Structure formats: structure tokens, C-alpha cells
Amino acid sequence: MFVILDNLAEGESVESILENYLGLRAEHVPASLVFAAELAHERVVPIRA
């Protein structure tokens, strides 16, 4: 999950992430976002500017 979130945060496209990490599938991306959103609801996470 962190691979997807880190790459999205760096501005990588979903297509690029999937090409570079062959073990990932397209459905992993929204699942990672849902998981991250759930974590954000649980506690405050500082965001680097």
C-alpha cells in the first residue's frame, strides 16, 4: 500500500505505478486510498508541506 500512496503523492500516474510494480493490479489503487482514508479518520496525520 505504501508504494502506491508514496508514488501518487510524488505525482506518478496510476499507469506508471502499475508498469513499474508488476505485482500490483489496478484494483489495488482504490483499495489503498480507502485504507488510507480510514486511517485518516482514526487519527490526525501531519502532512509535509
N, C-alpha and C. Protein backbone atom coordinates (compact mmCIF):
# COMPACT_ATOMS: atom_id res chain seq x y z
N MET A 1 0.81 -1.18 0.00
CA MET A 1 0.00 0.00 0.00
C MET A 1 0.86 1.25 0.00
N PHE A 2 1.92 1.28 0.82
CA PHE A 2 2.72 2.49 0.89
C PHE A 2 3.36 2.83 -0.44
N VAL A 3 3.67 1.81 -1.24
CA VAL A 3 4.26 2.05 -2.56
C VAL A 3 3.29 2.87 -3.42
N ILE A 4 2.04 2.49 -3.40
CA ILE A 4 1.04 3.20 -4.19
C ILE A 4 0.87 4.62 -3.67
N LEU A 5 0.69 4.78 -2.38
CA LEU A 5 0.46 6.11 -1.82
C LEU A 5 1.66 7.02 -2.00
N ASP A 6 2.86 6.50 -1.76
CA ASP A 6 4.06 7.31 -1.93
C ASP A 6 4.21 7.78 -3.38
N ASN A 7 3.98 6.88 -4.31
CA ASN A 7 4.13 7.24 -5.72
C ASN A 7 3.05 8.23 -6.16
N LEU A 8 1.83 8.05 -5.73
CA LEU A 8 0.77 9.01 -6.06
C LEU A 8 1.10 10.38 -5.48
N ALA A 9 1.61 10.40 -4.25
CA ALA A 9 1.97 11.66 -3.61
C ALA A 9 3.09 12.37 -4.36
N GLU A 10 3.95 11.61 -5.01
CA GLU A 10 5.05 12.19 -5.79
C GLU A 10 4.61 12.62 -7.19
N GLY A 11 3.33 12.37 -7.51
CA GLY A 11 2.81 12.80 -8.80
C GLY A 11 2.83 11.76 -9.90
N GLU A 12 3.18 10.53 -9.55
CA GLU A 12 3.19 9.45 -10.54
C GLU A 12 1.76 9.11 -10.95
N SER A 13 1.58 8.72 -12.18
CA SER A 13 0.27 8.29 -12.64
C SER A 13 0.03 6.84 -12.21
N VAL A 14 -1.22 6.47 -12.15
CA VAL A 14 -1.57 5.08 -11.82
C VAL A 14 -0.95 4.14 -12.84
N GLU A 15 -1.01 4.52 -14.10
CA GLU A 15 -0.46 3.68 -15.17
C GLU A 15 1.04 3.45 -14.96
N SER A 16 1.76 4.51 -14.60
CA SER A 16 3.19 4.40 -14.37
C SER A 16 3.49 3.48 -13.19
N ILE A 17 2.73 3.62 -12.13
CA ILE A 17 2.92 2.78 -10.95
C ILE A 17 2.71 1.31 -11.31
N LEU A 18 1.65 1.04 -12.04
CA LEU A 18 1.35 -0.35 -12.41
C LEU A 18 2.41 -0.92 -13.34
N GLU A 19 2.99 -0.08 -14.20
CA GLU A 19 4.06 -0.54 -15.09
C GLU A 19 5.34 -0.84 -14.31
N ASN A 20 5.62 -0.04 -13.28
CA ASN A 20 6.87 -0.19 -12.53
C ASN A 20 6.80 -1.26 -11.44
N TYR A 21 5.61 -1.59 -11.00
CA TYR A 21 5.44 -2.60 -9.93
C TYR A 21 4.50 -3.67 -10.47
N LEU A 22 5.07 -4.64 -11.12
CA LEU A 22 4.28 -5.63 -11.85
C LEU A 22 3.40 -6.50 -10.96
N GLY A 23 3.69 -6.56 -9.68
CA GLY A 23 2.87 -7.34 -8.76
C GLY A 23 1.57 -6.65 -8.39
N LEU A 24 1.45 -5.37 -8.71
CA LEU A 24 0.24 -4.62 -8.38
C LEU A 24 -0.78 -4.75 -9.49
N ARG A 25 -2.05 -4.66 -9.09
CA ARG A 25 -3.15 -4.68 -10.05
C ARG A 25 -3.94 -3.38 -9.88
N ALA A 26 -4.68 -3.02 -10.88
CA ALA A 26 -5.42 -1.75 -10.88
C ALA A 26 -6.33 -1.62 -9.66
N GLU A 27 -6.92 -2.72 -9.21
CA GLU A 27 -7.84 -2.65 -8.07
C GLU A 27 -7.12 -2.36 -6.75
N HIS A 28 -5.80 -2.50 -6.72
CA HIS A 28 -5.05 -2.17 -5.51
C HIS A 28 -5.03 -0.67 -5.24
N VAL A 29 -5.13 0.15 -6.29
CA VAL A 29 -5.04 1.59 -6.11
C VAL A 29 -6.21 2.14 -5.30
N PRO A 30 -7.46 1.93 -5.72
CA PRO A 30 -8.55 2.45 -4.90
C PRO A 30 -8.61 1.79 -3.53
N ALA A 31 -8.21 0.54 -3.43
CA ALA A 31 -8.20 -0.12 -2.12
C ALA A 31 -7.21 0.57 -1.19
N SER A 32 -6.07 0.98 -1.71
CA SER A 32 -5.09 1.71 -0.90
C SER A 32 -5.63 3.05 -0.44
N LEU A 33 -6.35 3.73 -1.33
CA LEU A 33 -6.93 5.02 -0.97
C LEU A 33 -8.01 4.87 0.10
N VAL A 34 -8.81 3.84 0.00
CA VAL A 34 -9.84 3.59 1.01
C VAL A 34 -9.18 3.31 2.35
N PHE A 35 -8.16 2.49 2.35
CA PHE A 35 -7.45 2.17 3.59
C PHE A 35 -6.84 3.43 4.21
N ALA A 36 -6.18 4.25 3.38
CA ALA A 36 -5.57 5.49 3.87
C ALA A 36 -6.63 6.43 4.43
N ALA A 37 -7.78 6.52 3.78
CA ALA A 37 -8.86 7.37 4.28
C ALA A 37 -9.35 6.88 5.64
N GLU A 38 -9.46 5.58 5.81
CA GLU A 38 -9.87 5.04 7.10
C GLU A 38 -8.85 5.39 8.18
N LEU A 39 -7.58 5.31 7.86
CA LEU A 39 -6.54 5.67 8.83
C LEU A 39 -6.64 7.15 9.20
N ALA A 40 -6.94 7.98 8.23
CA ALA A 40 -7.05 9.42 8.48
C ALA A 40 -8.22 9.73 9.40
N HIS A 41 -9.26 8.93 9.35
CA HIS A 41 -10.39 9.13 10.25
C HIS A 41 -10.05 8.74 11.69
N GLU A 42 -9.11 7.84 11.84
CA GLU A 42 -8.75 7.31 13.14
C GLU A 42 -7.85 8.25 13.94
N ARG A 43 -7.00 9.01 13.27
CA ARG A 43 -6.06 9.87 13.98
C ARG A 43 -5.61 11.01 13.07
N VAL A 44 -5.03 12.01 13.66
CA VAL A 44 -4.51 13.13 12.90
C VAL A 44 -3.12 12.77 12.41
N VAL A 45 -2.92 12.94 11.11
CA VAL A 45 -1.64 12.63 10.50
C VAL A 45 -1.06 13.91 9.93
N PRO A 46 0.10 14.36 10.41
CA PRO A 46 0.68 15.58 9.87
C PRO A 46 1.08 15.39 8.40
N ILE A 47 0.85 16.40 7.61
CA ILE A 47 1.18 16.36 6.18
C ILE A 47 2.34 17.31 5.93
N ARG A 48 3.38 16.78 5.28
CA ARG A 48 4.54 17.61 4.94
C ARG A 48 4.14 18.60 3.86
N ALA A 49 4.56 19.83 4.02
CA ALA A 49 4.26 20.86 3.02
C ALA A 49 5.26 20.85 1.90
